[in-house]
Amino acid sequence: MAFMPNFAAMSLSRWVFNKAGWKYEGGLPPGVRKCVLVAAPHTSNWDFVVARLVFNFLGVNVRMLIKKEAFFWPFGYFLKKMGGLPIDRSKNNRAVDQIVELFDKHDDLIILFTPEGTRRYSPKWKRGFYFAAQEANVPIILGYVDYGTKTGGIVQEAFKTTGDVDADIERIKEFYKAYQGYNPEWGVK
């Protein structure tokens, strides 16, 4: 079943962003039903709130990977409602394999990744998003929140990978240098 946008969430998001003076740009490329959605810079806990509003407004049903231990009653109920997908991060389980399984099980699945792995500046990004996209054969799409211009959006074209992981991640980081995080000093450099 194709994803149906939540019009109440879209309307609320539009109202909140208009009141706060924010703008939206882009959206998923036409026909994309499964993808890895990268979001950066990630410099504050507010990023989740702002990004969720952006994705709601654009009608994008984003899911996030959260360690399975967090899905206990009643907290787990709310995590699932907010788009949480439980993932087993124990030593014996390869996260990329679990992500590929998730893509195989769903007709529509957009998984959000923050490859910095922290809210402070990190020169070394986590690579799981890249390998998950490759192995699941889904595109990598770039999403952003720019506190400097109060703009949030999604690039309407898939990121073209070359197979050179290091070079591709450097190209993605280069793209994000143009966007200011909530804490600019912790942004992509």
N, C-alpha and C. Protein backbone atom coordinates (compact mmCIF):
# COMPACT_ATOMS: atom_id res chain seq x y z
N MET A 1 0.84 -1.19 0.00
CA MET A 1 0.00 0.00 0.00
C MET A 1 0.89 1.25 0.00
N ALA A 2 0.64 2.17 -0.86
CA ALA A 2 1.43 3.40 -0.96
C ALA A 2 1.19 4.28 0.25
N PHE A 3 2.18 5.08 0.58
CA PHE A 3 2.08 6.00 1.71
C PHE A 3 1.07 7.09 1.42
N MET A 4 0.18 7.31 2.36
CA MET A 4 -0.80 8.39 2.25
C MET A 4 -0.38 9.50 3.21
N PRO A 5 -0.21 10.71 2.75
CA PRO A 5 0.21 11.79 3.63
C PRO A 5 -0.82 12.06 4.73
N ASN A 6 -0.32 12.45 5.88
CA ASN A 6 -1.17 12.81 7.01
C ASN A 6 -1.45 14.31 6.88
N PHE A 7 -2.63 14.65 6.38
CA PHE A 7 -2.94 16.05 6.10
C PHE A 7 -3.03 16.90 7.36
N ALA A 8 -3.42 16.32 8.48
CA ALA A 8 -3.45 17.08 9.74
C ALA A 8 -2.03 17.45 10.14
N ALA A 9 -1.10 16.49 10.04
CA ALA A 9 0.31 16.77 10.39
C ALA A 9 0.90 17.79 9.42
N MET A 10 0.54 17.68 8.13
CA MET A 10 1.04 18.63 7.15
C MET A 10 0.54 20.04 7.46
N SER A 11 -0.74 20.17 7.81
CA SER A 11 -1.32 21.49 8.11
C SER A 11 -0.72 22.09 9.37
N LEU A 12 -0.57 21.27 10.41
CA LEU A 12 0.03 21.76 11.66
C LEU A 12 1.47 22.19 11.41
N SER A 13 2.21 21.41 10.67
CA SER A 13 3.60 21.76 10.36
C SER A 13 3.69 23.06 9.59
N ARG A 14 2.82 23.23 8.61
CA ARG A 14 2.80 24.46 7.82
C ARG A 14 2.51 25.66 8.72
N TRP A 15 1.54 25.53 9.62
CA TRP A 15 1.17 26.63 10.52
C TRP A 15 2.33 26.99 11.44
N VAL A 16 2.96 25.97 12.05
CA VAL A 16 4.09 26.21 12.98
C VAL A 16 5.23 26.89 12.23
N PHE A 17 5.58 26.36 11.06
CA PHE A 17 6.70 26.94 10.33
C PHE A 17 6.41 28.34 9.84
N ASN A 18 5.20 28.61 9.40
CA ASN A 18 4.85 29.96 8.97
C ASN A 18 4.96 30.94 10.13
N LYS A 19 4.48 30.54 11.30
CA LYS A 19 4.56 31.41 12.49
C LYS A 19 6.00 31.67 12.89
N ALA A 20 6.87 30.67 12.69
CA ALA A 20 8.27 30.80 13.07
C ALA A 20 9.12 31.43 11.96
N GLY A 21 8.53 31.68 10.79
CA GLY A 21 9.25 32.31 9.70
C GLY A 21 10.12 31.37 8.88
N TRP A 22 9.84 30.07 8.91
CA TRP A 22 10.61 29.08 8.16
C TRP A 22 10.00 28.85 6.79
N LYS A 23 10.85 28.34 5.87
CA LYS A 23 10.42 27.99 4.51
C LYS A 23 10.75 26.52 4.26
N TYR A 24 10.06 25.93 3.28
CA TYR A 24 10.28 24.56 2.84
C TYR A 24 10.74 24.56 1.40
N GLU A 25 11.56 23.56 1.05
CA GLU A 25 12.00 23.42 -0.34
C GLU A 25 11.99 21.94 -0.73
N GLY A 26 11.78 21.69 -1.99
CA GLY A 26 11.97 20.36 -2.55
C GLY A 26 10.96 19.33 -2.13
N GLY A 27 11.41 18.11 -2.08
CA GLY A 27 10.60 16.95 -1.76
C GLY A 27 11.26 15.73 -2.36
N LEU A 28 10.70 14.58 -2.13
CA LEU A 28 11.28 13.37 -2.70
C LEU A 28 11.22 13.42 -4.23
N PRO A 29 12.22 12.84 -4.88
CA PRO A 29 12.15 12.75 -6.35
C PRO A 29 10.91 11.95 -6.75
N PRO A 30 10.32 12.26 -7.88
CA PRO A 30 9.13 11.54 -8.33
C PRO A 30 9.37 10.02 -8.39
N GLY A 31 8.39 9.28 -7.88
CA GLY A 31 8.45 7.83 -7.95
C GLY A 31 9.27 7.14 -6.86
N VAL A 32 9.97 7.89 -6.02
CA VAL A 32 10.77 7.28 -4.96
C VAL A 32 9.86 6.85 -3.82
N ARG A 33 9.85 5.55 -3.55
CA ARG A 33 9.03 5.00 -2.47
C ARG A 33 9.90 4.41 -1.36
N LYS A 34 11.16 4.14 -1.69
CA LYS A 34 12.12 3.62 -0.72
C LYS A 34 13.41 4.39 -0.89
N CYS A 35 14.01 4.80 0.22
CA CYS A 35 15.31 5.48 0.13
C CYS A 35 15.94 5.60 1.50
N VAL A 36 17.22 5.91 1.47
CA VAL A 36 17.96 6.32 2.65
C VAL A 36 17.98 7.84 2.59
N LEU A 37 17.44 8.49 3.61
CA LEU A 37 17.39 9.95 3.66
C LEU A 37 18.44 10.42 4.67
N VAL A 38 19.45 11.11 4.18
CA VAL A 38 20.52 11.63 5.03
C VAL A 38 20.13 13.03 5.47
N ALA A 39 20.35 13.33 6.75
CA ALA A 39 20.05 14.67 7.27
C ALA A 39 21.26 15.21 8.03
N ALA A 40 21.66 16.41 7.68
CA ALA A 40 22.77 17.08 8.35
C ALA A 40 22.59 18.58 8.12
N PRO A 41 23.23 19.44 8.83
CA PRO A 41 24.05 19.14 10.00
C PRO A 41 23.17 18.81 11.21
N HIS A 42 23.69 17.97 12.07
CA HIS A 42 22.96 17.56 13.28
C HIS A 42 23.71 18.13 14.48
N THR A 43 23.24 19.28 14.97
CA THR A 43 23.97 19.99 16.02
C THR A 43 23.15 20.26 17.28
N SER A 44 21.90 19.78 17.32
CA SER A 44 21.03 20.10 18.45
C SER A 44 19.90 19.08 18.55
N ASN A 45 19.33 18.95 19.74
CA ASN A 45 18.14 18.12 19.90
C ASN A 45 16.95 18.73 19.16
N TRP A 46 16.99 20.02 18.88
CA TRP A 46 15.92 20.68 18.14
C TRP A 46 15.85 20.21 16.70
N ASP A 47 16.94 19.65 16.18
CA ASP A 47 16.96 19.20 14.80
C ASP A 47 15.85 18.19 14.52
N PHE A 48 15.59 17.29 15.48
CA PHE A 48 14.54 16.29 15.30
C PHE A 48 13.19 16.97 15.11
N VAL A 49 12.91 17.96 15.95
CA VAL A 49 11.61 18.65 15.90
C VAL A 49 11.47 19.39 14.57
N VAL A 50 12.48 20.15 14.20
CA VAL A 50 12.41 20.93 12.97
C VAL A 50 12.34 20.00 11.75
N ALA A 51 13.18 18.97 11.73
CA ALA A 51 13.18 18.04 10.60
C ALA A 51 11.84 17.32 10.49
N ARG A 52 11.27 16.94 11.62
CA ARG A 52 9.96 16.26 11.61
C ARG A 52 8.90 17.18 11.00
N LEU A 53 8.94 18.47 11.35
CA LEU A 53 8.00 19.43 10.78
C LEU A 53 8.19 19.54 9.26
N VAL A 54 9.46 19.60 8.83
CA VAL A 54 9.75 19.69 7.39
C VAL A 54 9.19 18.47 6.67
N PHE A 55 9.49 17.28 7.19
CA PHE A 55 9.06 16.06 6.52
C PHE A 55 7.54 15.93 6.55
N ASN A 56 6.91 16.32 7.64
CA ASN A 56 5.44 16.31 7.70
C ASN A 56 4.86 17.23 6.63
N PHE A 57 5.40 18.44 6.56
CA PHE A 57 4.90 19.41 5.59
C PHE A 57 5.03 18.89 4.17
N LEU A 58 6.16 18.23 3.88
CA LEU A 58 6.40 17.72 2.53
C LEU A 58 5.69 16.39 2.27
N GLY A 59 4.99 15.87 3.30
CA GLY A 59 4.25 14.61 3.14
C GLY A 59 5.14 13.39 3.04
N VAL A 60 6.31 13.45 3.70
CA VAL A 60 7.28 12.35 3.64
C VAL A 60 7.22 11.58 4.96
N ASN A 61 6.85 10.32 4.89
CA ASN A 61 6.73 9.46 6.06
C ASN A 61 8.10 8.89 6.43
N VAL A 62 8.86 9.64 7.18
CA VAL A 62 10.22 9.27 7.55
C VAL A 62 10.20 8.34 8.76
N ARG A 63 11.03 7.31 8.71
CA ARG A 63 11.20 6.38 9.82
C ARG A 63 12.63 6.51 10.35
N MET A 64 12.82 6.25 11.64
CA MET A 64 14.14 6.33 12.26
C MET A 64 14.47 5.02 12.94
N LEU A 65 15.74 4.65 12.89
CA LEU A 65 16.21 3.45 13.57
C LEU A 65 16.53 3.79 15.02
N ILE A 66 15.98 3.01 15.93
CA ILE A 66 16.19 3.23 17.36
C ILE A 66 16.48 1.87 17.99
N LYS A 67 17.42 1.85 18.92
CA LYS A 67 17.78 0.56 19.52
C LYS A 67 16.55 -0.10 20.13
N LYS A 68 16.47 -1.42 19.93
CA LYS A 68 15.26 -2.17 20.31
C LYS A 68 14.97 -2.07 21.81
N GLU A 69 15.99 -1.86 22.62
CA GLU A 69 15.80 -1.78 24.06
C GLU A 69 14.92 -0.59 24.48
N ALA A 70 14.80 0.41 23.62
CA ALA A 70 13.99 1.59 23.94
C ALA A 70 12.49 1.34 23.75
N PHE A 71 12.13 0.22 23.12
CA PHE A 71 10.73 -0.04 22.82
C PHE A 71 10.04 -0.82 23.94
N PHE A 72 10.01 -0.23 25.12
CA PHE A 72 9.29 -0.84 26.25
C PHE A 72 8.05 -0.01 26.51
N TRP A 73 7.04 -0.62 27.14
CA TRP A 73 5.77 0.05 27.41
C TRP A 73 5.96 1.11 28.47
N PRO A 74 5.39 2.28 28.33
CA PRO A 74 4.57 2.81 27.24
C PRO A 74 5.40 3.56 26.21
N PHE A 75 6.68 3.76 26.49
CA PHE A 75 7.56 4.55 25.63
C PHE A 75 7.61 4.00 24.20
N GLY A 76 7.65 2.68 24.07
CA GLY A 76 7.74 2.04 22.77
C GLY A 76 6.57 2.38 21.87
N TYR A 77 5.38 2.51 22.45
CA TYR A 77 4.20 2.86 21.68
C TYR A 77 4.40 4.22 20.99
N PHE A 78 4.91 5.18 21.75
CA PHE A 78 5.11 6.53 21.20
C PHE A 78 6.25 6.55 20.18
N LEU A 79 7.30 5.77 20.44
CA LEU A 79 8.40 5.70 19.47
C LEU A 79 7.90 5.18 18.12
N LYS A 80 7.06 4.15 18.15
CA LYS A 80 6.52 3.61 16.90
C LYS A 80 5.63 4.63 16.20
N LYS A 81 4.80 5.35 16.97
CA LYS A 81 3.92 6.37 16.38
C LYS A 81 4.72 7.50 15.73
N MET A 82 5.91 7.78 16.28
CA MET A 82 6.76 8.85 15.74
C MET A 82 7.65 8.35 14.60
N GLY A 83 7.50 7.08 14.23
CA GLY A 83 8.27 6.56 13.10
C GLY A 83 9.46 5.71 13.48
N GLY A 84 9.55 5.33 14.74
CA GLY A 84 10.68 4.52 15.19
C GLY A 84 10.61 3.09 14.69
N LEU A 85 11.75 2.58 14.28
CA LEU A 85 11.89 1.18 13.88
C LEU A 85 12.93 0.55 14.81
N PRO A 86 12.57 -0.51 15.52
CA PRO A 86 13.54 -1.13 16.43
C PRO A 86 14.66 -1.84 15.67
N ILE A 87 15.88 -1.65 16.15
CA ILE A 87 17.04 -2.32 15.55
C ILE A 87 17.88 -2.91 16.67
N ASP A 88 18.36 -4.13 16.45
CA ASP A 88 19.18 -4.84 17.43
C ASP A 88 20.63 -4.45 17.20
N ARG A 89 21.22 -3.74 18.15
CA ARG A 89 22.59 -3.26 18.00
C ARG A 89 23.59 -4.13 18.76
N SER A 90 23.20 -5.35 19.10
CA SER A 90 24.12 -6.23 19.81
C SER A 90 25.29 -6.62 18.90
N LYS A 91 26.36 -7.11 19.50
CA LYS A 91 27.58 -7.42 18.76
C LYS A 91 27.36 -8.43 17.63
N ASN A 92 26.48 -9.38 17.82
CA ASN A 92 26.34 -10.47 16.86
C ASN A 92 25.42 -10.14 15.68
N ASN A 93 24.84 -8.97 15.65
CA ASN A 93 23.92 -8.60 14.58
C ASN A 93 24.50 -7.47 13.75
N ARG A 94 24.51 -7.64 12.46
CA ARG A 94 24.99 -6.60 11.55
C ARG A 94 23.82 -5.68 11.22
N ALA A 95 23.93 -4.43 11.60
CA ALA A 95 22.84 -3.48 11.42
C ALA A 95 22.46 -3.33 9.95
N VAL A 96 23.43 -3.31 9.06
CA VAL A 96 23.13 -3.14 7.63
C VAL A 96 22.22 -4.27 7.14
N ASP A 97 22.47 -5.50 7.58
CA ASP A 97 21.61 -6.62 7.18
C ASP A 97 20.18 -6.42 7.66
N GLN A 98 20.03 -5.90 8.88
CA GLN A 98 18.69 -5.65 9.41
C GLN A 98 17.97 -4.57 8.61
N ILE A 99 18.71 -3.55 8.19
CA ILE A 99 18.13 -2.46 7.41
C ILE A 99 17.70 -2.97 6.04
N VAL A 100 18.52 -3.80 5.42
CA VAL A 100 18.17 -4.39 4.13
C VAL A 100 16.90 -5.22 4.28
N GLU A 101 16.79 -5.99 5.36
CA GLU A 101 15.57 -6.77 5.64
C GLU A 101 14.35 -5.87 5.73
N LEU A 102 14.51 -4.73 6.42
CA LEU A 102 13.39 -3.78 6.54
C LEU A 102 12.95 -3.28 5.17
N PHE A 103 13.91 -2.93 4.32
CA PHE A 103 13.56 -2.48 2.97
C PHE A 103 12.87 -3.59 2.19
N ASP A 104 13.31 -4.82 2.37
CA ASP A 104 12.68 -5.95 1.68
C ASP A 104 11.24 -6.18 2.13
N LYS A 105 10.94 -5.90 3.40
CA LYS A 105 9.62 -6.15 3.97
C LYS A 105 8.59 -5.08 3.64
N HIS A 106 9.03 -3.89 3.26
CA HIS A 106 8.12 -2.76 3.07
C HIS A 106 8.09 -2.31 1.61
N ASP A 107 6.89 -1.95 1.15
CA ASP A 107 6.74 -1.37 -0.18
C ASP A 107 7.14 0.10 -0.20
N ASP A 108 6.95 0.77 0.92
CA ASP A 108 7.29 2.19 1.07
C ASP A 108 8.10 2.32 2.35
N LEU A 109 9.33 2.78 2.25
CA LEU A 109 10.15 2.94 3.45
C LEU A 109 11.23 3.99 3.21
N ILE A 110 11.18 5.03 4.02
CA ILE A 110 12.19 6.08 3.98
C ILE A 110 12.82 6.10 5.37
N ILE A 111 14.10 5.75 5.43
CA ILE A 111 14.79 5.69 6.73
C ILE A 111 15.74 6.87 6.82
N LEU A 112 15.61 7.63 7.90
CA LEU A 112 16.42 8.82 8.15
C LEU A 112 17.71 8.43 8.86
N PHE A 113 18.82 8.96 8.38
CA PHE A 113 20.13 8.75 9.00
C PHE A 113 20.79 10.10 9.27
N THR A 114 21.41 10.22 10.42
CA THR A 114 22.26 11.37 10.74
C THR A 114 23.68 10.81 10.88
N PRO A 115 24.44 10.78 9.77
CA PRO A 115 25.72 10.07 9.75
C PRO A 115 26.80 10.66 10.64
N GLU A 116 26.60 11.86 11.14
CA GLU A 116 27.60 12.43 12.04
C GLU A 116 27.69 11.61 13.33
N GLY A 117 26.58 10.98 13.72
CA GLY A 117 26.58 10.12 14.89
C GLY A 117 26.60 10.85 16.21
N THR A 118 26.60 12.16 16.19
CA THR A 118 26.63 12.98 17.40
C THR A 118 26.13 14.36 17.05
N ARG A 119 25.85 15.17 18.07
CA ARG A 119 25.38 16.53 17.80
C ARG A 119 26.53 17.53 17.78
N ARG A 120 27.73 17.09 18.02
CA ARG A 120 28.90 17.96 17.92
C ARG A 120 29.66 17.63 16.65
N TYR A 121 30.58 18.51 16.28
CA TYR A 121 31.35 18.28 15.06
C TYR A 121 32.08 16.93 15.13
N SER A 122 31.97 16.17 14.08
CA SER A 122 32.66 14.89 13.97
C SER A 122 33.23 14.77 12.57
N PRO A 123 34.56 14.75 12.43
CA PRO A 123 35.13 14.65 11.09
C PRO A 123 34.90 13.29 10.44
N LYS A 124 34.69 12.25 11.25
CA LYS A 124 34.50 10.90 10.72
C LYS A 124 33.02 10.53 10.83
N TRP A 125 32.38 10.39 9.70
CA TRP A 125 30.96 10.03 9.66
C TRP A 125 30.79 8.52 9.69
N LYS A 126 29.67 8.08 10.24
CA LYS A 126 29.29 6.67 10.20
C LYS A 126 28.93 6.34 8.75
N ARG A 127 29.26 5.13 8.31
CA ARG A 127 29.07 4.76 6.92
C ARG A 127 27.90 3.81 6.68
N GLY A 128 27.21 3.42 7.73
CA GLY A 128 26.13 2.44 7.60
C GLY A 128 25.07 2.85 6.60
N PHE A 129 24.74 4.14 6.54
CA PHE A 129 23.71 4.62 5.62
C PHE A 129 24.10 4.30 4.18
N TYR A 130 25.38 4.46 3.87
CA TYR A 130 25.89 4.24 2.51
C TYR A 130 25.78 2.77 2.14
N PHE A 131 26.27 1.91 3.03
CA PHE A 131 26.25 0.47 2.76
C PHE A 131 24.83 -0.08 2.74
N ALA A 132 23.97 0.45 3.60
CA ALA A 132 22.57 0.01 3.62
C ALA A 132 21.90 0.35 2.28
N ALA A 133 22.13 1.56 1.78
CA ALA A 133 21.55 1.97 0.50
C ALA A 133 22.06 1.08 -0.64
N GLN A 134 23.36 0.82 -0.64
CA GLN A 134 23.94 -0.03 -1.69
C GLN A 134 23.36 -1.43 -1.66
N GLU A 135 23.36 -2.05 -0.47
CA GLU A 135 22.93 -3.44 -0.37
C GLU A 135 21.42 -3.60 -0.57
N ALA A 136 20.65 -2.59 -0.19
CA ALA A 136 19.19 -2.65 -0.39
C ALA A 136 18.80 -2.16 -1.79
N ASN A 137 19.78 -1.62 -2.51
CA ASN A 137 19.54 -1.09 -3.85
C ASN A 137 18.48 0.01 -3.84
N VAL A 138 18.64 0.96 -2.90
CA VAL A 138 17.75 2.11 -2.81
C VAL A 138 18.60 3.38 -2.94
N PRO A 139 18.00 4.47 -3.39
CA PRO A 139 18.77 5.71 -3.55
C PRO A 139 19.07 6.39 -2.22
N ILE A 140 20.11 7.21 -2.25
CA ILE A 140 20.44 8.10 -1.13
C ILE A 140 19.90 9.47 -1.50
N ILE A 141 19.08 10.02 -0.62
CA ILE A 141 18.49 11.35 -0.82
C ILE A 141 19.01 12.26 0.30
N LEU A 142 19.29 13.51 -0.01
CA LEU A 142 19.83 14.45 0.97
C LEU A 142 18.74 15.40 1.46
N GLY A 143 18.57 15.45 2.77
CA GLY A 143 17.65 16.39 3.41
C GLY A 143 18.46 17.34 4.28
N TYR A 144 17.91 18.49 4.56
CA TYR A 144 18.67 19.49 5.32
C TYR A 144 17.76 20.41 6.10
N VAL A 145 18.36 21.00 7.12
CA VAL A 145 17.74 22.07 7.89
C VAL A 145 18.81 23.15 8.01
N ASP A 146 18.50 24.37 7.61
CA ASP A 146 19.44 25.48 7.66
C ASP A 146 18.88 26.56 8.58
N TYR A 147 19.45 26.66 9.78
CA TYR A 147 18.98 27.64 10.75
C TYR A 147 19.34 29.06 10.34
N GLY A 148 20.38 29.22 9.52
CA GLY A 148 20.78 30.55 9.06
C GLY A 148 19.74 31.21 8.19
N THR A 149 19.14 30.45 7.30
CA THR A 149 18.13 30.98 6.39
C THR A 149 16.72 30.55 6.78
N LYS A 150 16.60 29.76 7.86
CA LYS A 150 15.32 29.20 8.30
C LYS A 150 14.64 28.46 7.14
N THR A 151 15.40 27.53 6.58
CA THR A 151 14.92 26.74 5.46
C THR A 151 15.15 25.26 5.74
N GLY A 152 14.16 24.45 5.41
CA GLY A 152 14.31 23.01 5.50
C GLY A 152 13.84 22.39 4.21
N GLY A 153 14.46 21.28 3.83
CA GLY A 153 14.02 20.67 2.58
C GLY A 153 14.68 19.35 2.27
N ILE A 154 14.37 18.88 1.09
CA ILE A 154 14.90 17.64 0.56
C ILE A 154 15.31 17.90 -0.88
N VAL A 155 16.52 17.49 -1.25
CA VAL A 155 16.98 17.62 -2.62
C VAL A 155 16.17 16.68 -3.49
N GLN A 156 15.62 17.18 -4.58
CA GLN A 156 14.70 16.40 -5.41
C GLN A 156 15.40 15.51 -6.42
N GLU A 157 16.63 15.18 -6.15
CA GLU A 157 17.39 14.32 -7.05
C GLU A 157 18.24 13.40 -6.18
N ALA A 158 18.30 12.12 -6.54
CA ALA A 158 19.09 11.16 -5.76
C ALA A 158 20.57 11.49 -5.87
N PHE A 159 21.30 11.26 -4.78
CA PHE A 159 22.75 11.42 -4.78
C PHE A 159 23.35 10.29 -5.61
N LYS A 160 24.21 10.61 -6.53
CA LYS A 160 24.83 9.62 -7.41
C LYS A 160 26.09 9.06 -6.76
N THR A 161 26.03 7.79 -6.37
CA THR A 161 27.21 7.16 -5.77
C THR A 161 28.14 6.66 -6.88
N THR A 162 29.43 6.57 -6.54
CA THR A 162 30.44 6.11 -7.50
C THR A 162 31.01 4.76 -7.11
N GLY A 163 30.74 4.31 -5.88
CA GLY A 163 31.35 3.09 -5.38
C GLY A 163 32.59 3.37 -4.54
N ASP A 164 33.11 4.58 -4.64
CA ASP A 164 34.24 5.00 -3.80
C ASP A 164 33.65 5.64 -2.54
N VAL A 165 33.52 4.84 -1.49
CA VAL A 165 32.82 5.27 -0.27
C VAL A 165 33.41 6.55 0.28
N ASP A 166 34.73 6.60 0.43
CA ASP A 166 35.36 7.79 1.02
C ASP A 166 35.10 9.04 0.19
N ALA A 167 35.26 8.93 -1.11
CA ALA A 167 35.03 10.09 -1.99
C ALA A 167 33.57 10.51 -1.97
N ASP A 168 32.66 9.54 -1.99
CA ASP A 168 31.23 9.87 -1.98
C ASP A 168 30.83 10.56 -0.68
N ILE A 169 31.32 10.06 0.45
CA ILE A 169 30.99 10.69 1.73
C ILE A 169 31.58 12.09 1.80
N GLU A 170 32.76 12.29 1.25
CA GLU A 170 33.35 13.64 1.21
C GLU A 170 32.49 14.56 0.35
N ARG A 171 31.95 14.07 -0.76
CA ARG A 171 31.06 14.88 -1.61
C ARG A 171 29.78 15.25 -0.87
N ILE A 172 29.25 14.30 -0.09
CA ILE A 172 28.04 14.59 0.70
C ILE A 172 28.36 15.64 1.76
N LYS A 173 29.48 15.48 2.44
CA LYS A 173 29.89 16.47 3.45
C LYS A 173 30.07 17.85 2.83
N GLU A 174 30.63 17.88 1.64
CA GLU A 174 30.83 19.15 0.93
C GLU A 174 29.48 19.84 0.67
N PHE A 175 28.48 19.05 0.28
CA PHE A 175 27.14 19.59 0.07
C PHE A 175 26.62 20.26 1.33
N TYR A 176 26.81 19.62 2.49
CA TYR A 176 26.25 20.12 3.75
C TYR A 176 27.00 21.31 4.33
N LYS A 177 28.16 21.63 3.82
CA LYS A 177 28.91 22.79 4.34
C LYS A 177 28.14 24.10 4.13
N ALA A 178 27.23 24.12 3.18
CA ALA A 178 26.46 25.33 2.87
C ALA A 178 25.34 25.59 3.88
N TYR A 179 25.06 24.61 4.76
CA TYR A 179 23.92 24.72 5.67
C TYR A 179 24.39 24.91 7.11
N GLN A 180 23.72 25.83 7.80
CA GLN A 180 24.09 26.17 9.17
C GLN A 180 23.23 25.41 10.17
N GLY A 181 23.87 24.74 11.11
CA GLY A 181 23.15 24.05 12.17
C GLY A 181 22.70 25.00 13.25
N TYR A 182 21.93 24.49 14.18
CA TYR A 182 21.46 25.28 15.32
C TYR A 182 22.66 25.83 16.09
N ASN A 183 23.67 25.00 16.24
CA ASN A 183 24.97 25.39 16.83
C ASN A 183 25.98 25.40 15.69
N PRO A 184 26.17 26.54 15.02
CA PRO A 184 26.99 26.58 13.80
C PRO A 184 28.41 26.06 13.99
N GLU A 185 28.95 26.24 15.18
CA GLU A 185 30.33 25.81 15.41
C GLU A 185 30.50 24.30 15.37
N TRP A 186 29.39 23.55 15.45
CA TRP A 186 29.45 22.08 15.43
C TRP A 186 29.07 21.51 14.07
N GLY A 187 28.85 22.36 13.09
CA GLY A 187 28.38 21.90 11.78
C GLY A 187 29.44 21.20 10.96
N VAL A 188 29.08 20.81 9.75
CA VAL A 188 29.96 20.09 8.84
C VAL A 188 31.08 21.02 8.39
N LYS A 189 32.31 20.51 8.48
CA LYS A 189 33.49 21.32 8.09
C LYS A 189 34.24 20.64 6.98
